[in-house]
Protein backbone atom coordinates (compact mmCIF):
# COMPACT_ATOMS: atom_id res chain seq x y z
CA MET A 1 -25.17 -31.83 -5.80
CA SER A 2 -28.29 -29.94 -7.33
CA THR A 3 -29.21 -29.88 -10.69
CA GLU A 4 -29.33 -25.82 -10.58
CA LEU A 5 -24.93 -26.64 -9.25
CA GLN A 6 -24.27 -29.11 -12.26
CA SER A 7 -25.69 -26.59 -14.88
CA THR A 8 -22.32 -24.92 -14.23
CA LYS A 9 -20.67 -26.95 -15.55
CA THR A 10 -18.52 -25.42 -18.63
CA LEU A 11 -15.18 -26.30 -18.29
CA THR A 12 -13.79 -28.38 -20.76
CA THR A 13 -11.29 -31.18 -20.04
CA VAL A 14 -7.72 -31.70 -21.80
CA PRO A 15 -5.26 -34.82 -21.51
CA PHE A 16 -2.84 -34.51 -18.21
CA GLY A 17 0.63 -36.11 -20.44
CA LEU A 18 0.31 -39.78 -20.81
CA THR A 19 -1.93 -40.31 -17.86
CA ASP A 20 -5.51 -41.59 -18.53
CA MET A 21 -6.84 -38.62 -17.01
CA ASN A 22 -8.26 -35.43 -18.77
CA ILE A 23 -8.08 -32.67 -16.69
CA THR A 24 -9.80 -29.06 -16.39
CA ARG A 25 -7.50 -26.08 -17.04
CA VAL A 26 -7.64 -25.06 -13.97
CA GLY A 27 -7.37 -27.00 -10.55
CA PHE A 28 -8.25 -25.96 -7.03
CA GLY A 29 -5.11 -25.45 -4.96
CA SER A 30 -5.45 -26.25 -0.89
CA TRP A 31 -2.43 -24.96 0.24
CA ALA A 32 -3.99 -22.29 2.34
CA VAL A 33 -7.07 -24.45 3.67
CA GLY A 34 -3.94 -25.98 5.34
CA GLY A 35 -4.34 -23.37 7.84
CA ASP A 36 -1.59 -21.81 10.26
CA TRP A 37 1.73 -23.41 9.44
CA ALA A 38 5.26 -23.29 8.83
CA VAL A 39 4.27 -21.60 5.47
CA GLY A 40 0.96 -21.35 6.01
CA TRP A 41 -1.48 -18.41 4.25
CA GLY A 42 -2.29 -17.26 8.37
CA SER A 43 -5.56 -18.63 9.91
CA GLN A 44 -8.28 -20.20 7.69
CA ASP A 45 -11.79 -21.05 8.60
CA ASP A 46 -12.14 -25.16 7.77
CA ASN A 47 -15.91 -24.13 6.93
CA ALA A 48 -14.97 -21.71 3.91
CA SER A 49 -12.54 -24.26 3.08
CA ILE A 50 -15.35 -26.58 2.59
CA ALA A 51 -17.54 -24.60 0.85
CA ALA A 52 -14.54 -23.49 -1.44
CA ILE A 53 -13.78 -26.76 -2.37
CA ARG A 54 -17.68 -27.69 -2.90
CA HIS A 55 -18.08 -24.86 -5.15
CA ALA A 56 -15.22 -25.37 -7.55
CA VAL A 57 -16.36 -29.01 -8.12
CA SER A 58 -19.86 -27.14 -8.99
CA ARG A 59 -18.17 -25.00 -11.48
CA GLY A 60 -16.63 -28.26 -13.08
CA ILE A 61 -13.54 -27.88 -11.57
CA ASN A 62 -12.13 -31.75 -11.21
CA TRP A 63 -8.86 -32.10 -9.76
CA ILE A 64 -7.96 -30.79 -6.22
CA ASP A 65 -4.53 -30.43 -5.83
CA THR A 66 -3.10 -30.62 -2.10
CA ALA A 67 -0.25 -32.21 0.16
CA ALA A 68 0.67 -34.00 3.26
CA ILE A 69 2.94 -31.16 4.61
CA TYR A 70 -0.13 -28.07 3.67
CA GLY A 71 -1.06 -28.03 7.69
CA LEU A 72 0.50 -30.88 8.66
CA GLY A 73 -2.04 -33.07 7.17
CA HIS A 74 -5.21 -30.92 7.83
CA SER A 75 -5.21 -29.70 4.35
CA GLU A 76 -5.52 -33.47 3.14
CA GLU A 77 -8.57 -33.89 6.05
CA ILE A 78 -10.45 -30.99 4.86
CA VAL A 79 -10.20 -32.06 1.29
CA ALA A 80 -11.63 -35.39 2.35
CA ALA A 81 -14.16 -33.41 4.54
CA ALA A 82 -15.74 -31.57 1.44
CA LEU A 83 -16.02 -34.36 -1.02
CA ASP A 84 -17.66 -36.60 1.77
CA ALA A 85 -20.85 -35.20 0.47
CA ILE A 86 -20.07 -35.61 -3.29
CA PRO A 87 -21.23 -38.96 -4.93
CA GLN A 88 -18.33 -40.92 -6.18
CA SER A 89 -18.88 -40.50 -9.42
CA GLU A 90 -18.96 -36.73 -9.11
CA ARG A 91 -15.82 -36.32 -7.01
CA PRO A 92 -12.54 -34.77 -8.70
CA TYR A 93 -9.37 -36.28 -9.39
CA ILE A 94 -6.94 -35.85 -5.63
CA PHE A 95 -3.31 -34.85 -6.25
CA THR A 96 -1.43 -34.91 -3.04
CA LYS A 97 2.54 -34.67 -2.52
CA CYS A 98 5.22 -36.56 -0.19
CA GLY A 99 8.56 -35.60 0.39
CA LEU A 100 7.86 -32.88 2.93
CA ILE A 101 7.94 -33.58 6.82
CA GLY A 102 6.67 -31.29 9.56
CA ASP A 103 6.93 -31.44 13.17
CA PRO A 104 3.20 -31.93 15.21
CA ALA A 105 4.90 -30.80 18.14
CA ASN A 106 6.33 -27.72 16.77
CA PRO A 107 4.05 -26.40 13.72
CA LYS A 108 5.71 -23.54 13.04
CA ALA A 109 9.32 -25.48 12.65
CA GLY A 110 10.29 -25.14 8.67
CA PRO A 111 10.06 -29.01 7.25
CA ARG A 112 12.61 -31.76 6.41
CA GLN A 113 13.01 -32.34 2.96
CA VAL A 114 12.87 -36.45 2.85
CA GLY A 115 13.18 -38.94 0.13
CA ALA A 116 13.56 -42.21 2.23
CA PRO A 117 11.32 -45.07 0.82
CA ALA A 118 10.21 -46.05 3.80
CA SER A 119 9.27 -42.37 4.85
CA ILE A 120 7.16 -42.13 1.45
CA ARG A 121 5.79 -45.38 1.77
CA GLN A 122 4.34 -44.54 5.74
CA GLU A 123 3.73 -40.96 3.98
CA VAL A 124 1.60 -42.31 1.14
CA GLU A 125 -0.53 -44.13 3.88
CA ALA A 126 -1.49 -41.35 5.68
CA SER A 127 -2.39 -39.54 2.89
CA LEU A 128 -4.64 -42.15 2.32
CA ARG A 129 -6.21 -42.28 5.64
CA ARG A 130 -6.03 -38.51 5.84
CA LEU A 131 -7.85 -38.38 2.26
CA ASN A 132 -10.29 -41.31 2.82
CA VAL A 133 -9.43 -42.81 -0.38
CA GLU A 134 -8.26 -46.18 -1.55
CA ARG A 135 -5.82 -44.58 -4.35
CA ILE A 136 -4.40 -41.30 -5.24
CA ASP A 137 -5.13 -39.73 -8.28
CA LEU A 138 -1.10 -38.25 -8.59
CA TYR A 139 1.26 -38.43 -6.03
CA GLN A 140 4.36 -36.57 -5.98
CA MET A 141 7.81 -35.87 -5.10
CA HIS A 142 7.30 -32.27 -3.20
CA TRP A 143 10.42 -31.08 -3.65
CA PRO A 144 13.96 -32.24 -3.87
CA ALA A 145 15.08 -34.88 -1.00
CA GLU A 146 18.23 -33.43 1.75
CA ASP A 147 18.52 -36.43 3.56
CA GLY A 148 20.93 -38.10 1.56
CA THR A 149 18.53 -40.05 -0.32
CA PRO A 150 19.62 -40.27 -4.38
CA LEU A 151 17.12 -39.21 -6.41
CA GLU A 152 16.83 -42.11 -8.31
CA ASP A 153 16.00 -43.96 -5.02
CA TYR A 154 12.66 -41.80 -4.51
CA TRP A 155 11.79 -41.65 -7.81
CA GLN A 156 11.62 -45.72 -7.80
CA ALA A 157 10.20 -45.50 -4.45
CA LEU A 158 7.55 -43.57 -6.34
CA LEU A 159 7.38 -46.23 -9.88
CA ASP A 160 6.86 -48.58 -7.03
CA LEU A 161 3.88 -47.72 -5.52
CA LYS A 162 2.33 -47.22 -9.36
CA VAL A 163 2.70 -50.55 -9.65
CA ALA A 164 1.56 -51.68 -6.26
CA GLY A 165 -1.67 -49.78 -7.25
CA LYS A 166 -1.53 -46.98 -4.15
CA VAL A 167 -1.20 -44.24 -6.85
CA ARG A 168 -2.53 -44.02 -10.39
CA ALA A 169 0.25 -41.44 -11.79
CA VAL A 170 3.14 -40.14 -10.08
CA GLY A 171 5.26 -37.07 -10.91
CA LEU A 172 7.69 -34.78 -9.16
CA SER A 173 7.11 -31.00 -8.24
CA ASN A 174 10.24 -28.38 -7.89
CA HIS A 175 12.74 -30.51 -9.98
CA ASN A 176 14.99 -29.06 -12.95
CA VAL A 177 15.65 -30.65 -16.51
CA ALA A 178 18.21 -32.63 -14.80
CA GLN A 179 16.78 -34.40 -12.31
CA LEU A 180 13.97 -35.26 -14.71
CA THR A 181 16.05 -36.70 -17.46
CA ALA A 182 17.89 -38.58 -14.56
CA VAL A 183 14.55 -40.26 -13.68
CA GLU A 184 13.04 -40.56 -16.90
CA ALA A 185 15.50 -43.73 -17.67
CA LEU A 186 13.93 -44.81 -14.81
CA GLY A 187 10.62 -44.88 -15.33
CA HIS A 188 8.14 -42.19 -17.54
CA VAL A 189 7.53 -38.25 -15.28
CA ASP A 190 4.04 -38.54 -15.48
CA THR A 191 3.52 -34.92 -14.62
CA LEU A 192 6.14 -32.30 -13.35
CA GLN A 193 4.17 -29.06 -10.80
CA PRO A 194 6.60 -25.86 -10.90
CA PRO A 195 5.61 -22.69 -10.34
CA PHE A 196 5.32 -20.14 -13.10
CA SER A 197 3.47 -16.71 -13.03
CA ALA A 198 3.88 -13.65 -14.91
CA ILE A 199 6.56 -13.05 -12.44
CA LYS A 200 8.49 -16.28 -11.68
CA ARG A 201 8.92 -17.64 -15.24
CA ASP A 202 12.20 -20.05 -14.73
CA VAL A 203 10.79 -23.08 -16.39
CA GLY A 204 10.29 -21.74 -19.61
CA LYS A 205 13.47 -21.51 -19.68
CA ALA A 206 13.98 -25.64 -20.30
CA GLU A 207 11.63 -27.58 -18.20
CA LEU A 208 8.33 -26.65 -20.34
CA ALA A 209 9.60 -27.37 -23.62
CA TRP A 210 11.46 -30.33 -21.82
CA CYS A 211 8.02 -31.84 -20.43
CA ASN A 212 6.58 -31.26 -23.98
CA ALA A 213 8.88 -33.11 -25.42
CA HIS A 214 8.39 -36.16 -23.22
CA GLN A 215 4.41 -35.76 -23.05
CA THR A 216 4.59 -34.76 -19.47
CA GLY A 217 1.82 -33.04 -18.19
CA VAL A 218 2.75 -29.69 -16.31
CA ILE A 219 0.18 -28.54 -13.25
CA VAL A 220 2.00 -25.38 -12.75
CA TYR A 221 1.27 -23.63 -8.96
CA SER A 222 0.75 -19.92 -8.27
CA PRO A 223 0.14 -18.55 -11.09
CA MET A 224 -1.37 -15.69 -9.60
CA GLN A 225 2.15 -14.96 -7.63
CA ALA A 226 0.57 -15.45 -4.43
CA GLY A 227 -1.80 -13.23 -4.98
CA LEU A 228 0.35 -10.84 -6.52
CA LEU A 229 -1.07 -10.28 -10.05
CA SER A 230 -4.41 -10.64 -8.56
CA GLY A 231 -5.59 -7.02 -9.65
CA ALA A 232 -6.57 -6.87 -5.47
CA PHE A 233 -3.10 -6.33 -4.46
CA THR A 234 -1.31 -2.73 -3.24
CA ARG A 235 1.48 -1.57 -1.33
CA ALA A 236 -1.05 -0.96 1.42
CA ARG A 237 -2.61 -4.73 1.43
CA ALA A 238 1.54 -6.01 1.12
CA ALA A 239 2.09 -3.80 4.36
CA ALA A 240 -0.32 -5.52 6.37
CA LEU A 241 0.14 -8.69 5.89
CA PRO A 242 -0.01 -10.59 9.35
CA ALA A 243 2.94 -12.35 10.42
CA ASN A 244 1.48 -15.56 10.37
CA ASP A 245 1.53 -15.41 6.59
CA TRP A 246 4.61 -16.68 4.59
CA ARG A 247 3.72 -13.75 2.48
CA SER A 248 5.23 -11.27 4.60
CA ARG A 249 8.33 -12.56 5.21
CA ASN A 250 9.21 -12.68 0.78
CA GLY A 251 11.35 -10.14 -1.09
CA GLU A 252 8.98 -9.93 -4.15
CA PHE A 253 6.63 -8.41 -0.93
CA THR A 254 8.07 -5.40 -0.49
CA GLY A 255 10.13 -2.85 -1.96
CA GLU A 256 11.30 -2.29 -5.42
CA LYS A 257 10.45 -6.09 -6.21
CA LEU A 258 7.00 -5.15 -5.54
CA ALA A 259 6.99 -2.10 -6.97
CA ARG A 260 7.77 -3.61 -10.04
CA ASN A 261 5.18 -6.45 -9.31
CA LEU A 262 2.57 -3.99 -9.43
CA GLU A 263 3.56 -2.71 -12.96
CA VAL A 264 2.90 -6.70 -14.16
CA ALA A 265 -0.09 -6.50 -12.59
CA ALA A 266 -1.05 -2.90 -14.12
CA ALA A 267 -1.14 -4.42 -17.72
CA ILE A 268 -2.84 -7.71 -16.79
CA GLN A 269 -5.38 -5.40 -15.63
CA THR A 270 -5.79 -3.23 -18.94
CA VAL A 271 -5.80 -6.94 -20.69
CA ALA A 272 -8.50 -8.10 -18.26
CA ASN A 273 -10.40 -5.06 -18.44
CA ARG A 274 -10.67 -5.82 -22.56
CA TYR A 275 -12.13 -9.22 -21.90
CA HIS A 276 -14.84 -7.98 -19.18
CA VAL A 277 -13.12 -10.88 -17.04
CA SER A 278 -10.71 -10.52 -13.32
CA ALA A 279 -7.23 -9.70 -13.74
CA ALA A 280 -6.86 -13.23 -11.86
CA SER A 281 -8.22 -14.79 -14.66
CA VAL A 282 -5.67 -13.49 -17.30
CA ALA A 283 -2.77 -13.72 -14.71
CA VAL A 284 -3.95 -17.79 -14.88
CA ALA A 285 -4.57 -18.00 -18.66
CA TRP A 286 -0.98 -16.51 -19.33
CA THR A 287 0.14 -19.57 -18.01
CA LEU A 288 -1.82 -21.39 -19.94
CA ALA A 289 -0.73 -20.06 -22.78
CA TRP A 290 2.44 -21.37 -22.62
CA PRO A 291 3.17 -24.93 -24.70
CA GLY A 292 3.71 -27.74 -21.97
CA VAL A 293 1.21 -26.28 -19.61
CA THR A 294 -1.27 -28.36 -19.34
CA ALA A 295 -3.23 -26.68 -16.64
CA ALA A 296 -2.90 -24.49 -13.43
CA ILE A 297 -3.58 -24.90 -9.61
CA VAL A 298 -5.30 -22.04 -8.21
CA GLY A 299 -6.07 -21.18 -4.73
CA ALA A 300 -9.21 -20.05 -2.86
CA ARG A 301 -10.20 -19.38 0.22
CA SER A 302 -14.01 -19.13 0.04
CA PRO A 303 -16.39 -19.92 -3.28
CA ALA A 304 -16.31 -16.07 -4.16
CA GLN A 305 -12.57 -16.33 -4.87
CA VAL A 306 -13.21 -19.44 -7.27
CA ASP A 307 -15.83 -17.12 -9.22
CA GLY A 308 -13.14 -14.53 -9.21
CA TRP A 309 -10.57 -16.77 -11.61
CA ILE A 310 -12.87 -19.49 -13.07
CA ASP A 311 -12.59 -18.12 -16.49
CA ALA A 312 -9.03 -18.53 -16.88
CA GLY A 313 -10.63 -21.97 -17.09
CA THR A 314 -11.51 -20.83 -20.97
CA LEU A 315 -10.20 -17.77 -21.57
CA LYS A 316 -7.40 -18.28 -24.36
CA LEU A 317 -5.12 -14.83 -24.64
CA THR A 318 -3.91 -14.10 -28.55
CA PRO A 319 -0.06 -13.75 -28.61
CA ALA A 320 -1.14 -9.66 -29.28
CA ASP A 321 -1.73 -10.37 -25.84
CA MET A 322 1.30 -11.93 -24.32
CA ALA A 323 3.21 -9.28 -26.54
CA GLU A 324 1.80 -6.40 -24.37
CA ILE A 325 2.45 -8.44 -21.16
CA GLY A 326 5.72 -9.43 -21.77
CA ALA A 327 6.64 -5.69 -23.18
CA VAL A 328 5.45 -4.86 -19.37
CA ILE A 329 7.90 -7.53 -17.94
CA GLU A 330 10.90 -6.46 -20.21
CA ARG A 331 10.63 -2.89 -19.39
CA SER A 332 9.45 -3.30 -15.15
CA GLY A 333 12.02 -5.72 -14.90
CA ALA A 334 10.08 -7.79 -12.65
CA GLY A 335 10.85 -11.39 -11.84
CA TYR A 336 12.91 -13.70 -13.79
CA GLY A 337 12.95 -15.56 -16.73
CA PRO A 338 11.62 -15.78 -20.13
CA ALA A 339 8.95 -13.08 -20.69
CA LYS A 340 7.04 -14.60 -23.58
CA PRO A 341 6.53 -17.81 -25.08
């Protein structure tokens, strides 16, 4: 990497729960770079994805979030390709997930939620191969299993992978307080990855407080609510979403819900104008202002998109900013969950 690129690294890091990792407050999310599949964001140029990942690292981001299901392994392969040219000493942490199984013969079919320990052991080996690493820094169960596997069984499988040295830390994604409490008795939950934004605020009720109390790191996903709060979204853009973009089928992007969500986006834009930053940066910083949140996963499909939200890694919203946005959330009736910390 060039000296010029290295000189742009200004992001500070914070402890990631009780793990031995310190991470930047924003990380690169590679859901969209998986391309066209059942829950994809539409077609994506692999070269643009690789450029975006390398640019994010050059800007100081020190972790990448991916998953085996994104593009049925394609996202992990793209992450590996992007990091191949980066010296080992400068590579970011790699976080990935298991428990969602797609059908390569029918990529448009919805994935199965599988927790069988044998399946998890096969999945981690496949991810290690695709990512071209000897150890995964964080391995997370993507969603609760629906194949009859008890919660405790798949959590023990992850703990065993940690003991075996296949993974550095283990966590859960999309799990609630009751589930967190149940598995904590078996072994510490290093991390939680929940959805969290100024629209989808459910985890503000209980999960964030639980994680804060148990020193469980939290990396939230979709902090811009899949682009709704980016400052670039409009009714016209929502109506023009292609059929292979999962957002075209999501209720938050149509009708009265969309109107309410855009009110919140306008409030975020007002705060952004005051700080001379993008609305995207404020939307992400809003999530980072909540106690218990360690960092946020932010997606990008190009280097320019990374630059569009990178300021969130250093932006600190004040209680007055949070109250201002919270008042609009409450008045508009957008989303669900507590409107402010």
